[in-house]
Protein backbone atom coordinates (compact mmCIF):
# COMPACT_ATOMS: atom_id res chain seq x y z
CA MET A 1 23.87 9.02 -33.34
CA ALA A 2 21.45 6.07 -33.57
CA LYS A 3 18.99 5.88 -36.43
CA LYS A 4 15.46 6.83 -35.38
CA PRO A 5 12.42 4.78 -36.46
CA TRP A 6 10.77 7.98 -37.73
CA GLU A 7 13.72 9.35 -39.75
CA GLY A 8 11.92 8.86 -43.05
CA ARG A 9 9.90 12.00 -42.30
CA PHE A 10 12.78 14.18 -41.03
CA THR A 11 15.72 15.82 -42.77
CA GLY A 12 17.53 17.11 -39.67
CA LYS A 13 19.07 15.12 -36.81
CA THR A 14 17.74 15.17 -33.27
CA ASP A 15 19.69 17.48 -31.00
CA LYS A 16 21.72 15.55 -28.42
CA ALA A 17 20.20 17.61 -25.60
CA VAL A 18 16.74 16.63 -26.86
CA GLU A 19 17.76 12.97 -26.98
CA ILE A 20 18.80 13.11 -23.34
CA PHE A 21 15.78 15.19 -22.32
CA THR A 22 13.21 12.92 -24.00
CA ALA A 23 14.83 9.59 -23.12
CA SER A 24 13.04 7.37 -20.63
CA ILE A 25 15.42 4.42 -20.84
CA TYR A 26 17.01 5.46 -17.53
CA PHE A 27 13.87 4.39 -15.67
CA ASP A 28 11.67 2.36 -18.03
CA LYS A 29 14.33 -0.33 -18.53
CA ARG A 30 12.76 -2.09 -15.56
CA LEU A 31 9.92 -2.98 -17.96
CA TYR A 32 12.20 -5.13 -20.13
CA LYS A 33 10.76 -8.54 -19.27
CA TYR A 34 7.21 -7.29 -19.78
CA ASP A 35 8.14 -5.70 -23.09
CA ILE A 36 9.63 -9.00 -24.25
CA MET A 37 6.70 -10.99 -22.85
CA GLY A 38 4.24 -8.80 -24.75
CA SER A 39 6.34 -8.91 -27.91
CA ILE A 40 6.48 -12.70 -27.87
CA ALA A 41 2.70 -12.90 -27.48
CA HIS A 42 2.23 -10.36 -30.29
CA CYS A 43 4.62 -12.35 -32.48
CA ARG A 44 2.74 -15.60 -31.87
CA MET A 45 -0.50 -13.86 -32.80
CA LEU A 46 1.01 -12.45 -36.01
CA GLU A 47 2.02 -15.99 -36.94
CA LYS A 48 -1.42 -17.40 -36.06
CA CYS A 49 -3.08 -14.75 -38.24
CA LYS A 50 -0.61 -15.52 -41.08
CA ILE A 51 0.75 -11.97 -41.04
CA ILE A 52 4.26 -13.40 -40.63
CA THR A 53 5.52 -16.90 -41.34
CA SER A 54 6.24 -19.61 -38.79
CA ALA A 55 9.95 -19.39 -39.57
CA GLU A 56 9.96 -15.63 -39.04
CA SER A 57 8.08 -16.03 -35.76
CA LYS A 58 10.56 -18.60 -34.43
CA LYS A 59 13.49 -16.41 -35.41
CA ILE A 60 11.99 -13.35 -33.70
CA ILE A 61 11.09 -15.21 -30.52
CA LYS A 62 14.54 -16.81 -30.29
CA GLY A 63 16.11 -13.36 -30.71
CA LEU A 64 13.88 -11.83 -28.03
CA LYS A 65 14.72 -14.57 -25.54
CA SER A 66 18.42 -14.09 -26.25
CA ILE A 67 18.07 -10.34 -25.59
CA GLU A 68 16.25 -11.05 -22.33
CA LYS A 69 19.16 -13.22 -21.18
CA SER A 70 21.68 -10.51 -22.05
CA ILE A 71 19.70 -7.91 -20.08
CA GLU A 72 19.49 -10.21 -17.06
CA SER A 73 23.20 -11.00 -17.25
CA GLY A 74 24.05 -7.28 -17.38
CA SER A 75 25.77 -7.44 -20.77
CA PHE A 76 23.07 -5.51 -22.67
CA GLN A 77 24.20 -2.03 -23.75
CA TYR A 78 21.45 0.60 -23.53
CA ASN A 79 21.46 3.60 -25.88
CA ASP A 80 19.69 6.75 -24.68
CA ALA A 81 19.45 7.97 -28.28
CA LEU A 82 16.87 5.21 -28.77
CA GLU A 83 14.73 6.82 -26.07
CA ASP A 84 13.10 3.87 -24.34
CA ILE A 85 13.22 0.18 -23.55
CA HIS A 86 10.98 -0.67 -26.53
CA MET A 87 13.28 0.84 -29.14
CA ASN A 88 16.40 -0.47 -27.43
CA ILE A 89 15.07 -4.02 -27.62
CA GLU A 90 13.77 -3.62 -31.17
CA LYS A 91 17.08 -2.20 -32.41
CA LYS A 92 19.02 -5.01 -30.77
CA LEU A 93 16.62 -7.56 -32.28
CA ILE A 94 17.15 -6.20 -35.81
CA ASP A 95 20.91 -6.11 -35.28
CA LYS A 96 20.78 -9.72 -34.10
CA ILE A 97 18.45 -11.37 -36.65
CA GLY A 98 18.33 -8.88 -39.51
CA SER A 99 15.44 -7.09 -41.19
CA VAL A 100 12.93 -9.75 -40.18
CA GLY A 101 13.14 -8.24 -36.70
CA GLY A 102 11.42 -5.16 -38.10
CA LYS A 103 8.30 -7.24 -38.79
CA LEU A 104 7.63 -7.55 -35.05
CA HIS A 105 6.23 -4.04 -34.97
CA THR A 106 3.57 -4.86 -37.56
CA ALA A 107 0.08 -3.80 -36.37
CA ARG A 108 1.56 -2.35 -33.18
CA SER A 109 2.55 1.10 -31.92
CA ARG A 110 4.70 2.11 -29.01
CA ASN A 111 1.49 3.63 -27.64
CA ASP A 112 -0.33 0.34 -27.12
CA GLN A 113 2.98 -1.41 -26.44
CA VAL A 114 3.85 0.74 -23.43
CA ALA A 115 0.26 0.58 -22.17
CA LEU A 116 0.58 -3.20 -22.21
CA ASP A 117 3.99 -3.19 -20.51
CA ILE A 118 2.76 -1.04 -17.64
CA ARG A 119 -0.30 -3.20 -17.09
CA LEU A 120 1.79 -6.40 -17.07
CA TYR A 121 4.29 -4.81 -14.68
CA LEU A 122 1.65 -3.39 -12.34
CA ARG A 123 -0.27 -6.65 -12.25
CA ASP A 124 2.78 -8.42 -10.85
CA GLU A 125 3.55 -5.60 -8.41
CA VAL A 126 -0.02 -5.43 -7.09
CA GLU A 127 0.07 -9.16 -6.41
CA ALA A 128 3.45 -8.78 -4.67
CA ILE A 129 2.10 -5.94 -2.52
CA GLN A 130 -0.97 -7.96 -1.58
CA LYS A 131 1.31 -10.75 -0.39
CA LEU A 132 3.36 -8.27 1.68
CA ILE A 133 0.16 -6.92 3.24
CA SER A 134 -0.86 -10.47 4.16
CA ASP A 135 2.58 -11.18 5.64
CA PHE A 136 2.40 -8.01 7.71
CA CYS A 137 -1.14 -8.73 8.92
CA ARG A 138 -0.08 -12.20 10.04
CA VAL A 139 2.70 -10.62 12.11
CA LEU A 140 0.20 -8.24 13.75
CA ILE A 141 -2.30 -11.03 14.39
CA LYS A 142 0.37 -13.18 16.05
CA LEU A 143 1.46 -10.20 18.15
CA ALA A 144 -2.15 -9.64 19.19
CA ALA A 145 -2.60 -13.32 20.11
CA ARG A 146 0.60 -13.31 22.21
CA ASN A 147 -0.51 -10.21 24.13
CA LEU A 148 -4.17 -11.02 24.56
CA ASN A 149 -4.37 -9.96 28.21
CA VAL A 150 -2.32 -6.77 27.93
CA ILE A 151 -4.40 -3.73 28.90
CA MET A 152 -3.56 -0.26 27.66
CA PRO A 153 -5.26 3.12 27.64
CA GLY A 154 -7.30 3.86 24.55
CA TYR A 155 -7.03 7.45 23.38
CA THR A 156 -9.16 10.14 21.82
CA HIS A 157 -7.65 13.58 21.12
CA LEU A 158 -4.39 11.94 22.30
CA GLN A 159 -5.86 12.03 25.82
CA ARG A 160 -6.43 8.86 27.84
CA ALA A 161 -10.01 7.78 27.28
CA GLN A 162 -11.06 4.19 28.10
CA PRO A 163 -9.04 1.03 28.73
CA VAL A 164 -8.74 -1.40 25.82
CA LEU A 165 -6.79 -4.54 25.06
CA LEU A 166 -3.52 -3.99 23.21
CA SER A 167 -4.59 -6.83 20.94
CA HIS A 168 -7.77 -4.90 20.06
CA HIS A 169 -5.63 -1.89 19.23
CA LEU A 170 -3.35 -3.96 16.98
CA LEU A 171 -6.31 -5.54 15.22
CA ALA A 172 -7.59 -2.07 14.36
CA TYR A 173 -4.57 -1.78 12.06
CA VAL A 174 -5.22 -5.23 10.64
CA GLU A 175 -8.69 -4.01 9.64
CA MET A 176 -7.09 -1.04 7.87
CA PHE A 177 -4.64 -3.21 5.97
CA LYS A 178 -7.40 -5.67 5.15
CA ARG A 179 -9.23 -2.85 3.38
CA ASP A 180 -5.99 -1.91 1.63
CA LYS A 181 -5.61 -5.43 0.30
CA GLU A 182 -9.21 -5.39 -0.90
CA ARG A 183 -8.61 -2.10 -2.71
CA PHE A 184 -5.59 -3.54 -4.54
CA GLN A 185 -7.67 -6.56 -5.50
CA GLU A 186 -10.28 -4.24 -6.99
CA ILE A 187 -7.57 -2.37 -8.92
CA LEU A 188 -6.53 -5.62 -10.59
CA LYS A 189 -9.89 -5.65 -12.40
CA ARG A 190 -8.97 -2.41 -14.16
CA VAL A 191 -5.32 -3.35 -14.65
CA ASN A 192 -6.23 -6.69 -16.25
CA VAL A 193 -7.43 -5.27 -19.56
CA LEU A 194 -5.44 -5.91 -22.75
CA PRO A 195 -4.73 -2.71 -24.73
CA LEU A 196 -2.56 -4.32 -27.43
CA GLY A 197 -4.23 -4.11 -30.82
CA SER A 198 -5.22 -0.48 -30.35
CA SER A 199 -2.06 0.52 -32.22
CA ALA A 200 -1.32 4.28 -32.16
CA LEU A 201 -4.91 5.36 -31.47
CA ALA A 202 -7.33 4.03 -34.12
CA GLY A 203 -6.75 0.28 -34.14
CA THR A 204 -5.29 -1.44 -37.21
CA SER A 205 -6.37 -2.76 -40.60
CA PHE A 206 -4.50 -6.04 -40.03
CA PRO A 207 -6.71 -9.04 -39.13
CA LEU A 208 -5.53 -9.46 -35.54
CA ASP A 209 -6.79 -11.97 -33.00
CA ARG A 210 -6.75 -9.89 -29.83
CA ASN A 211 -8.50 -12.56 -27.79
CA TYR A 212 -5.66 -14.95 -28.59
CA VAL A 213 -3.11 -12.44 -27.23
CA ALA A 214 -5.30 -11.92 -24.15
CA LYS A 215 -5.29 -15.66 -23.54
CA LEU A 216 -1.51 -15.90 -23.96
CA LEU A 217 -0.95 -13.05 -21.48
CA ASN A 218 -3.72 -14.09 -19.08
CA PHE A 219 -5.92 -11.02 -19.56
CA PRO A 220 -9.62 -11.69 -18.84
CA LYS A 221 -10.70 -8.64 -20.88
CA ILE A 222 -9.64 -6.67 -23.93
CA SER A 223 -10.06 -2.91 -24.33
CA GLU A 224 -13.16 -1.78 -26.21
CA ASN A 225 -12.01 1.63 -27.43
CA SER A 226 -8.61 2.19 -29.04
CA LEU A 227 -8.47 5.90 -28.14
CA ASP A 228 -9.13 5.17 -24.50
CA ALA A 229 -6.83 2.17 -24.41
CA VAL A 230 -3.66 4.06 -25.37
CA SER A 231 -4.41 7.11 -23.21
CA ASP A 232 -5.82 5.39 -20.11
CA ARG A 233 -3.73 5.63 -16.97
CA ASP A 234 -6.66 5.48 -14.55
CA PHE A 235 -5.35 2.22 -13.20
CA SER A 236 -2.02 3.88 -12.33
CA GLY A 237 -3.87 6.66 -10.54
CA GLU A 238 -5.95 4.12 -8.64
CA PHE A 239 -2.82 2.26 -7.67
CA CYS A 240 -1.16 5.45 -6.37
CA PHE A 241 -4.33 6.36 -4.47
CA ALA A 242 -4.60 2.94 -2.84
CA SER A 243 -0.89 3.15 -2.04
CA SER A 244 -1.40 6.57 -0.45
CA LEU A 245 -4.07 5.14 1.84
CA LEU A 246 -1.84 2.19 2.73
CA MET A 247 1.07 4.52 3.51
CA MET A 248 -1.27 6.71 5.57
CA HIS A 249 -2.13 3.66 7.67
CA LEU A 250 1.55 2.83 8.07
CA SER A 251 2.23 6.46 8.96
CA ARG A 252 -0.45 6.46 11.68
CA MET A 253 1.09 3.32 13.10
CA SER A 254 4.54 4.90 12.83
CA GLU A 255 3.40 7.91 14.85
CA GLU A 256 2.14 5.68 17.64
CA LEU A 257 5.30 3.58 17.67
CA ILE A 258 7.38 6.76 17.86
CA LEU A 259 5.30 8.07 20.76
CA TRP A 260 5.12 4.73 22.55
CA SER A 261 8.90 4.24 22.37
CA SER A 262 9.58 7.64 23.94
CA SER A 263 10.49 7.96 27.64
CA GLU A 264 7.23 9.80 28.24
CA PHE A 265 5.25 6.68 27.25
CA SER A 266 7.71 3.76 27.48
CA PHE A 267 5.00 1.38 26.27
CA ILE A 268 7.31 -0.41 23.85
CA GLU A 269 10.94 -0.82 22.90
CA LEU A 270 12.04 -1.19 19.30
CA ASP A 271 14.85 -3.62 18.65
CA ASP A 272 18.31 -2.11 18.25
CA SER A 273 18.51 -3.50 14.72
CA PHE A 274 15.75 -1.10 13.64
CA CYS A 275 17.05 2.02 15.38
CA THR A 276 20.03 4.36 15.13
CA GLY A 277 21.97 6.47 17.58
CA SER A 278 23.03 10.08 17.73
CA SER A 279 26.33 11.40 16.44
CA ILE A 280 26.68 13.59 19.56
CA MET A 281 24.36 12.22 22.29
CA PRO A 282 25.50 8.75 23.39
CA GLN A 283 22.27 7.94 25.24
CA LYS A 284 19.98 8.30 22.22
CA LYS A 285 18.10 5.48 20.50
CA ASN A 286 16.17 6.88 17.58
CA PRO A 287 13.13 5.21 15.94
CA ASP A 288 14.39 5.90 12.42
CA VAL A 289 12.35 3.23 10.62
CA PRO A 290 8.89 4.49 11.64
CA GLU A 291 10.10 8.08 11.20
CA LEU A 292 11.22 7.35 7.65
CA VAL A 293 7.97 5.56 6.80
CA ARG A 294 6.08 8.54 8.19
CA GLY A 295 8.18 10.81 5.98
CA LYS A 296 7.92 8.63 2.88
CA THR A 297 4.14 8.81 3.10
CA GLY A 298 4.33 12.37 1.80
CA ARG A 299 6.47 11.13 -1.07
CA VAL A 300 3.75 8.69 -2.14
CA TYR A 301 1.09 11.41 -1.82
CA GLY A 302 3.27 13.56 -4.08
CA ASN A 303 3.48 10.79 -6.65
CA LEU A 304 -0.33 10.61 -6.78
CA VAL A 305 -0.64 14.36 -7.23
CA SER A 306 2.11 14.33 -9.88
CA LEU A 307 0.30 11.66 -11.87
CA LEU A 308 -3.12 13.32 -11.61
CA THR A 309 -1.68 16.70 -12.55
CA MET A 310 0.06 15.25 -15.59
CA LEU A 311 -3.19 13.66 -16.80
CA LYS A 312 -5.66 16.40 -15.97
CA SER A 313 -5.55 18.41 -19.24
CA LEU A 314 -4.49 15.85 -21.83
CA PRO A 315 -6.54 15.64 -25.02
CA LEU A 316 -7.05 12.21 -26.57
CA ALA A 317 -5.12 10.15 -27.32
CA TYR A 318 -1.45 9.61 -26.44
CA ASN A 319 0.74 12.63 -25.60
CA LYS A 320 4.44 12.73 -24.70
CA ASP A 321 3.45 14.06 -21.27
CA MET A 322 2.43 10.48 -20.48
CA GLN A 323 6.06 9.45 -20.35
CA GLU A 324 5.92 11.12 -16.92
CA ASP A 325 3.57 8.41 -15.64
CA LYS A 326 6.31 5.90 -14.93
CA GLU A 327 8.65 7.52 -12.41
CA PRO A 328 5.91 8.31 -9.85
CA LEU A 329 4.44 4.86 -10.39
CA PHE A 330 7.77 3.06 -10.04
CA ASP A 331 8.73 5.10 -6.99
CA THR A 332 5.39 4.35 -5.34
CA VAL A 333 5.81 0.62 -5.96
CA ASP A 334 9.31 0.65 -4.47
CA THR A 335 8.35 2.79 -1.47
CA VAL A 336 5.30 0.69 -0.57
CA LYS A 337 7.13 -2.62 -0.91
CA ASN A 338 10.16 -1.43 1.07
CA SER A 339 7.99 0.07 3.82
CA LEU A 340 5.91 -3.07 4.25
CA THR A 341 9.00 -5.29 4.21
CA VAL A 342 10.86 -3.36 6.91
CA PHE A 343 7.74 -2.92 9.08
CA CYS A 344 7.02 -6.62 8.92
CA LYS A 345 10.52 -7.41 10.22
CA MET A 346 10.48 -4.65 12.83
CA MET A 347 7.17 -5.70 14.39
CA THR A 348 8.37 -9.28 14.91
CA LYS A 349 11.01 -7.99 17.34
CA ILE A 350 9.05 -5.34 19.23
CA LYS A 351 9.05 -5.53 23.05
CA ILE A 352 5.87 -4.71 24.99
CA ASN A 353 6.05 -3.05 28.42
CA ARG A 354 2.90 -4.60 29.88
CA GLN A 355 3.14 -3.03 33.31
CA LYS A 356 3.67 0.44 31.91
CA MET A 357 0.62 0.09 29.68
CA LEU A 358 -1.54 -1.22 32.53
CA GLY A 359 -0.36 1.54 34.84
CA ALA A 360 -1.27 4.19 32.30
CA ALA A 361 -4.67 2.60 31.72
CA SER A 362 -5.36 2.66 35.48
CA GLU A 363 -4.88 6.41 35.75
CA GLU A 364 -6.93 9.46 34.80
CA PHE A 365 -10.34 7.99 35.72
CA SER A 366 -10.31 5.77 32.63
CA THR A 367 -13.42 3.85 33.77
CA ALA A 368 -15.52 6.95 34.49
CA THR A 369 -17.80 6.09 31.58
CA GLU A 370 -18.63 2.83 33.39
CA ILE A 371 -20.07 4.92 36.24
CA ALA A 372 -22.40 6.75 33.86
CA ASP A 373 -23.39 3.42 32.26
CA TYR A 374 -23.94 1.94 35.74
CA LEU A 375 -26.42 4.69 36.58
CA ALA A 376 -28.08 4.52 33.15
CA LYS A 377 -28.68 0.79 33.64
CA LYS A 378 -30.51 1.69 36.86
CA GLY A 379 -32.90 4.00 35.06
CA VAL A 380 -31.06 7.32 35.32
CA PRO A 381 -31.19 9.22 32.00
CA PHE A 382 -27.73 9.02 30.46
CA ARG A 383 -27.25 12.80 30.26
CA LYS A 384 -28.01 13.04 33.98
CA ALA A 385 -25.76 10.07 34.69
CA HIS A 386 -22.99 11.80 32.71
CA GLU A 387 -23.41 14.96 34.78
CA VAL A 388 -23.30 13.03 38.06
CA THR A 389 -20.15 11.19 36.96
CA GLY A 390 -18.49 14.47 36.03
CA LYS A 391 -19.17 15.79 39.54
CA ILE A 392 -17.66 12.62 41.03
CA VAL A 393 -14.48 13.08 39.00
CA LYS A 394 -14.28 16.73 40.02
CA TYR A 395 -14.76 15.75 43.67
CA CYS A 396 -12.00 13.10 43.45
CA LYS A 397 -9.57 15.56 41.91
CA LYS A 398 -10.34 18.10 44.63
CA LYS A 399 -9.85 15.51 47.38
CA ASN A 400 -6.88 13.89 45.60
CA LYS A 401 -8.65 10.54 45.61
CA THR A 402 -9.08 7.73 43.11
CA LEU A 403 -12.50 6.24 42.39
CA PHE A 404 -11.57 3.11 44.34
CA LYS A 405 -10.83 5.17 47.48
CA LEU A 406 -14.37 6.56 47.69
CA THR A 407 -16.56 5.17 50.45
CA ILE A 408 -20.11 3.97 49.81
CA LYS A 409 -21.31 6.99 51.75
CA GLU A 410 -19.43 9.27 49.37
CA TRP A 411 -20.85 7.43 46.35
CA LYS A 412 -24.40 7.76 47.69
CA SER A 413 -23.91 11.47 48.29
CA PHE A 414 -23.99 11.81 44.51
CA SER A 415 -26.84 9.36 43.86
CA ASP A 416 -28.88 6.90 45.90
CA LYS A 417 -28.62 4.48 42.98
CA PHE A 418 -25.07 3.57 43.97
CA ASP A 419 -24.28 0.46 46.00
CA SER A 420 -21.20 -1.68 46.60
CA ASN A 421 -21.45 -3.19 43.10
CA VAL A 422 -20.18 0.07 41.66
CA LEU A 423 -16.61 -0.99 42.48
CA LYS A 424 -17.00 -4.04 40.24
CA ALA A 425 -18.34 -1.86 37.45
CA ILE A 426 -15.26 0.36 37.47
CA ASP A 427 -12.72 -2.49 37.60
CA ILE A 428 -10.52 -2.15 34.53
CA LYS A 429 -10.57 -5.80 33.50
CA LYS A 430 -14.32 -6.08 34.01
CA SER A 431 -14.91 -2.87 32.12
CA ILE A 432 -13.08 -4.43 29.16
CA ASP A 433 -14.83 -7.80 29.41
CA ASN A 434 -18.19 -6.04 29.57
CA LYS A 435 -17.63 -4.66 26.06
CA ASN A 436 -18.73 -8.05 24.79
CA MET A 437 -20.42 -7.12 21.55
CA VAL A 438 -19.26 -7.55 17.97
CA GLY A 439 -16.41 -5.10 17.42
CA GLY A 440 -15.87 -4.56 21.14
CA THR A 441 -12.63 -4.82 23.11
CA SER A 442 -13.62 -7.77 25.32
CA SER A 443 -11.20 -10.68 25.23
CA LYS A 444 -13.95 -12.99 23.93
CA GLN A 445 -14.62 -10.74 20.95
CA VAL A 446 -10.94 -10.20 20.27
CA VAL A 447 -10.25 -13.95 20.29
CA LYS A 448 -13.14 -14.50 17.86
CA ARG A 449 -11.81 -11.80 15.55
CA ILE A 450 -8.28 -13.20 15.68
CA GLU A 451 -9.57 -16.61 14.59
CA LYS A 452 -11.53 -15.11 11.71
CA LEU A 453 -8.61 -12.99 10.57
CA LYS A 454 -6.29 -15.98 10.63
CA LYS A 455 -8.52 -17.53 7.96
CA VAL A 456 -8.35 -14.33 5.86
CA PHE A 457 -4.55 -13.98 5.97
């Protein structure tokens, strides 16, 4: 049984079941490089402040770098009796360089140490996720540019509503992911705060130079309250919330891809490399990737709730409950990165059924609103114009006619404001091009937005 750093206070040994139950090394070992990075910065500061000698500092740093290499090579032996990555590294350091290794923990607690590790880790992961979002948005923007003239039905209530450009529909998702990227950028402001120097909860009597450590680790700010610094996991909650929104956006897109790839829609075809078959039905081609992303969204939501629930009743400052902050955080990071990566690849190989989309957009009186607008532009109050248009649709359904099959005489039987120009007004392409205002679906506006978004991503 490994010697515990707190054994001076205890007479009995820790039960093996407790060692296993309280150990976090199984999952927090992924923090190793951040723990070593923070320890090296702390060591340099201790030397600068003359708390340890230059020779001791060099010996400690050399030992830490050697341990980092052994972890990366896979030769490092973890011990769950030492609980976490911090104690595993510290024990190995002392074994390697002797008692001088024990000086590294001067003016530091595992409480501010782990807070630092998580912030360093999350800073890198947030930046990686932002890059993945940008990569994905570039894929969607290119797809929109390649399919600029593809017309599809827009939907409300999952019922065909008005025709829109497929590119406009795709760019709607780009806007969502743009907001996601902005949210992660905002989170970095709260992540980028140095907690080291707070020690266990009250700070330390040693003359530390926290600003020097902040400079070494590229933190623009240092924490202003030691109690808050060691117990703050707001930034983790923010990250999980922003991730939940991002996954919700991916899930909405997944739902549409699943619907659109079905025989009932046949708007798209997903590449074989992103689908699976059935173990019993030879004809099946299942959209497993979007289905899994849709399912994993609930997993990320659960991680957010888990984290918030763990934090909701904790008194200041650090409590062992907070060990439970890492697994939901790590799982969220992995799920978001994997989902974005696979979606980015999948969307580069998607096939668009242009004729099927156009055919669907041409049905169900999709330009009926243009009739109401036509009348409104001629002075008819819109509510009256809406009523007249509704009667026209009802008449067409009764007579089994399309709007384009109506004669001018039939049009005028509903309103004397109609003339032959009404057929131009209800043309699908013209109805789209007429939506030529900022945010509209006209090709001119979509092209402008594509060019602006290319500069963003």
